[in-house]
Amino acid sequence: NLILGCELTARTKSYTFQVDEEDDSDHILALSVVCLTDGAKDECNVVEVVGRNHENQEIAVPVANLKLSCQPLLSLDNFKLQPPVTFRLAAGSGPVHLAGWHRIVHREDASFEEDDDLSEENEEELPPIMPAKK
């Protein structure tokens, strides 16, 4: 897994994560935490995820509404996304830090992929998570 991190501010309101179109691997992007960082004002900061639906239309979904005085941090529990995806600061001036991870699954390896993220106690009860078929 590769670590992903970006910061959205009044000056840089969006960040797009995309992969090479020629790449034959499956890519999984997971968002772990969205939090306000030093210099944030006590205002609502709305973070949206912008992607495309199955008809290739752009859709934007708010995933976090952060405010310094009541909710400066939100754990998204590895919210999985399919690249390309854009993170956008729809309201507020930030700075908002986003952290997560990016996993590349090579298609020929998919049959023996194991999910390392499961805790030890649940390992025997849950089958490995396989990438969705495109």
Protein backbone atom coordinates (compact mmCIF):
# COMPACT_ATOMS: atom_id res chain seq x y z
CA ASN A 1 0.00 0.00 0.00
CA LEU A 2 1.13 3.51 -0.82
CA ILE A 3 0.29 6.36 1.54
CA LEU A 4 -1.87 9.16 0.15
CA GLY A 5 -2.00 12.65 1.61
CA CYS A 6 -3.14 16.04 0.35
CA GLU A 7 -4.22 19.39 1.72
CA LEU A 8 -7.13 21.55 0.54
CA THR A 9 -6.99 25.30 1.20
CA ALA A 10 -8.60 28.53 0.01
CA ARG A 11 -5.83 28.71 -2.61
CA THR A 12 -5.82 25.01 -3.59
CA LYS A 13 -9.48 23.96 -3.43
CA SER A 14 -9.14 20.60 -5.18
CA TYR A 15 -6.83 17.63 -5.62
CA THR A 16 -7.31 14.98 -8.30
CA PHE A 17 -5.98 11.44 -7.95
CA GLN A 18 -5.74 9.61 -11.25
CA VAL A 19 -3.92 6.61 -12.64
CA ASP A 20 -2.40 5.91 -16.04
CA GLU A 21 -5.15 4.84 -18.48
CA GLU A 22 -2.74 2.28 -20.00
CA ASP A 23 -2.20 0.59 -16.64
CA ASP A 24 -3.86 -2.84 -16.62
CA SER A 25 -3.95 -3.07 -12.82
CA ASP A 26 -6.89 -2.40 -10.52
CA HIS A 27 -6.45 0.57 -8.23
CA ILE A 28 -8.16 1.01 -4.87
CA LEU A 29 -8.02 4.36 -3.13
CA ALA A 30 -9.13 4.50 0.51
CA LEU A 31 -9.72 7.62 2.55
CA SER A 32 -8.92 7.20 6.27
CA VAL A 33 -9.00 10.64 7.90
CA VAL A 34 -10.10 14.18 7.03
CA CYS A 35 -9.01 16.85 9.53
CA LEU A 36 -8.54 20.57 9.96
CA THR A 37 -4.92 21.65 10.42
CA ASP A 38 -3.05 24.70 11.78
CA GLY A 39 -4.53 28.00 10.70
CA ALA A 40 -8.12 26.78 10.24
CA LYS A 41 -10.87 29.23 11.19
CA ASP A 42 -13.99 28.22 13.11
CA GLU A 43 -16.15 27.87 10.01
CA CYS A 44 -17.83 24.98 8.21
CA ASN A 45 -15.41 23.23 5.84
CA VAL A 46 -17.22 20.88 3.47
CA VAL A 47 -15.14 18.31 1.59
CA GLU A 48 -16.67 16.63 -1.47
CA VAL A 49 -15.57 13.60 -3.44
CA VAL A 50 -16.12 14.13 -7.16
CA GLY A 51 -16.21 11.05 -9.38
CA ARG A 52 -18.12 9.56 -12.28
CA ASN A 53 -21.11 7.24 -12.17
CA HIS A 54 -21.71 4.22 -14.44
CA GLU A 55 -23.08 6.56 -17.16
CA ASN A 56 -19.84 8.62 -16.99
CA GLN A 57 -21.65 11.63 -15.51
CA GLU A 58 -19.81 13.66 -12.88
CA ILE A 59 -21.23 13.31 -9.38
CA ALA A 60 -20.15 15.13 -6.22
CA VAL A 61 -20.84 13.70 -2.77
CA PRO A 62 -20.03 15.54 0.47
CA VAL A 63 -18.00 13.26 2.77
CA ALA A 64 -17.06 15.63 5.61
CA ASN A 65 -18.33 18.82 7.24
CA LEU A 66 -15.63 19.96 9.66
CA LYS A 67 -15.70 22.85 12.13
CA LEU A 68 -12.88 23.63 14.56
CA SER A 69 -15.15 24.07 17.60
CA CYS A 70 -17.27 20.92 17.19
CA GLN A 71 -15.77 18.43 14.70
CA PRO A 72 -12.17 19.15 13.69
CA LEU A 73 -11.49 15.54 12.57
CA LEU A 74 -13.47 12.76 10.92
CA SER A 75 -12.40 9.14 10.58
CA LEU A 76 -13.72 7.63 7.35
CA ASP A 77 -12.68 4.05 8.16
CA ASN A 78 -10.89 3.46 4.84
CA PHE A 79 -13.74 4.69 2.62
CA LYS A 80 -12.90 3.02 -0.72
CA LEU A 81 -12.99 4.91 -4.02
CA GLN A 82 -12.24 4.07 -7.66
CA PRO A 83 -9.77 6.48 -9.34
CA PRO A 84 -9.88 8.92 -11.02
CA VAL A 85 -11.36 10.91 -8.15
CA THR A 86 -11.19 14.56 -7.10
CA PHE A 87 -11.34 15.86 -3.55
CA ARG A 88 -12.81 19.36 -3.42
CA LEU A 89 -13.22 21.96 -0.67
CA ALA A 90 -16.81 22.99 -1.45
CA ALA A 91 -17.16 25.40 1.49
CA GLY A 92 -14.74 27.00 3.94
CA SER A 93 -11.11 27.99 3.56
CA GLY A 94 -9.34 25.06 5.22
CA PRO A 95 -6.65 23.99 5.56
CA VAL A 96 -8.10 20.47 5.51
CA HIS A 97 -5.73 17.50 5.40
CA LEU A 98 -6.84 14.21 3.80
CA ALA A 99 -5.00 10.97 4.50
CA GLY A 100 -5.45 7.45 3.21
CA TRP A 101 -3.83 4.77 1.10
CA HIS A 102 -3.60 3.54 -2.49
CA ARG A 103 -3.35 -0.14 -3.35
CA ILE A 104 -2.42 -1.50 -6.76
CA VAL A 105 -3.75 -4.98 -7.51
CA HIS A 106 -2.11 -6.59 -10.51
CA ARG A 107 -4.79 -8.62 -12.26
CA GLU A 108 -2.67 -11.75 -12.61
CA ASP A 109 -2.01 -11.64 -8.81
CA ALA A 110 -5.65 -11.08 -7.83
CA SER A 111 -6.38 -14.76 -7.23
CA PHE A 112 -3.81 -14.97 -4.42
CA GLU A 113 -4.24 -11.55 -2.93
CA GLU A 114 -4.73 -11.47 0.81
CA ASP A 115 -6.06 -8.52 2.74
CA ASP A 116 -3.47 -7.50 5.35
CA ASP A 117 -5.72 -4.88 6.92
CA LEU A 118 -7.87 -7.32 8.92
CA SER A 119 -7.18 -7.49 12.61
CA GLU A 120 -5.80 -10.75 13.96
CA GLU A 121 -8.97 -11.77 15.77
CA ASN A 122 -11.18 -11.48 12.67
CA GLU A 123 -8.73 -13.05 10.27
CA GLU A 124 -10.26 -16.53 10.30
CA GLU A 125 -13.88 -15.34 10.05
CA LEU A 126 -13.63 -13.05 7.04
CA PRO A 127 -12.69 -14.11 3.49
CA PRO A 128 -10.14 -11.95 1.61
CA ILE A 129 -11.62 -8.91 -0.12
CA MET A 130 -11.38 -9.20 -3.88
CA PRO A 131 -11.42 -6.23 -6.29
CA ALA A 132 -14.67 -5.55 -8.08
CA LYS A 133 -14.87 -6.76 -11.68
CA LYS A 134 -15.04 -3.97 -14.20
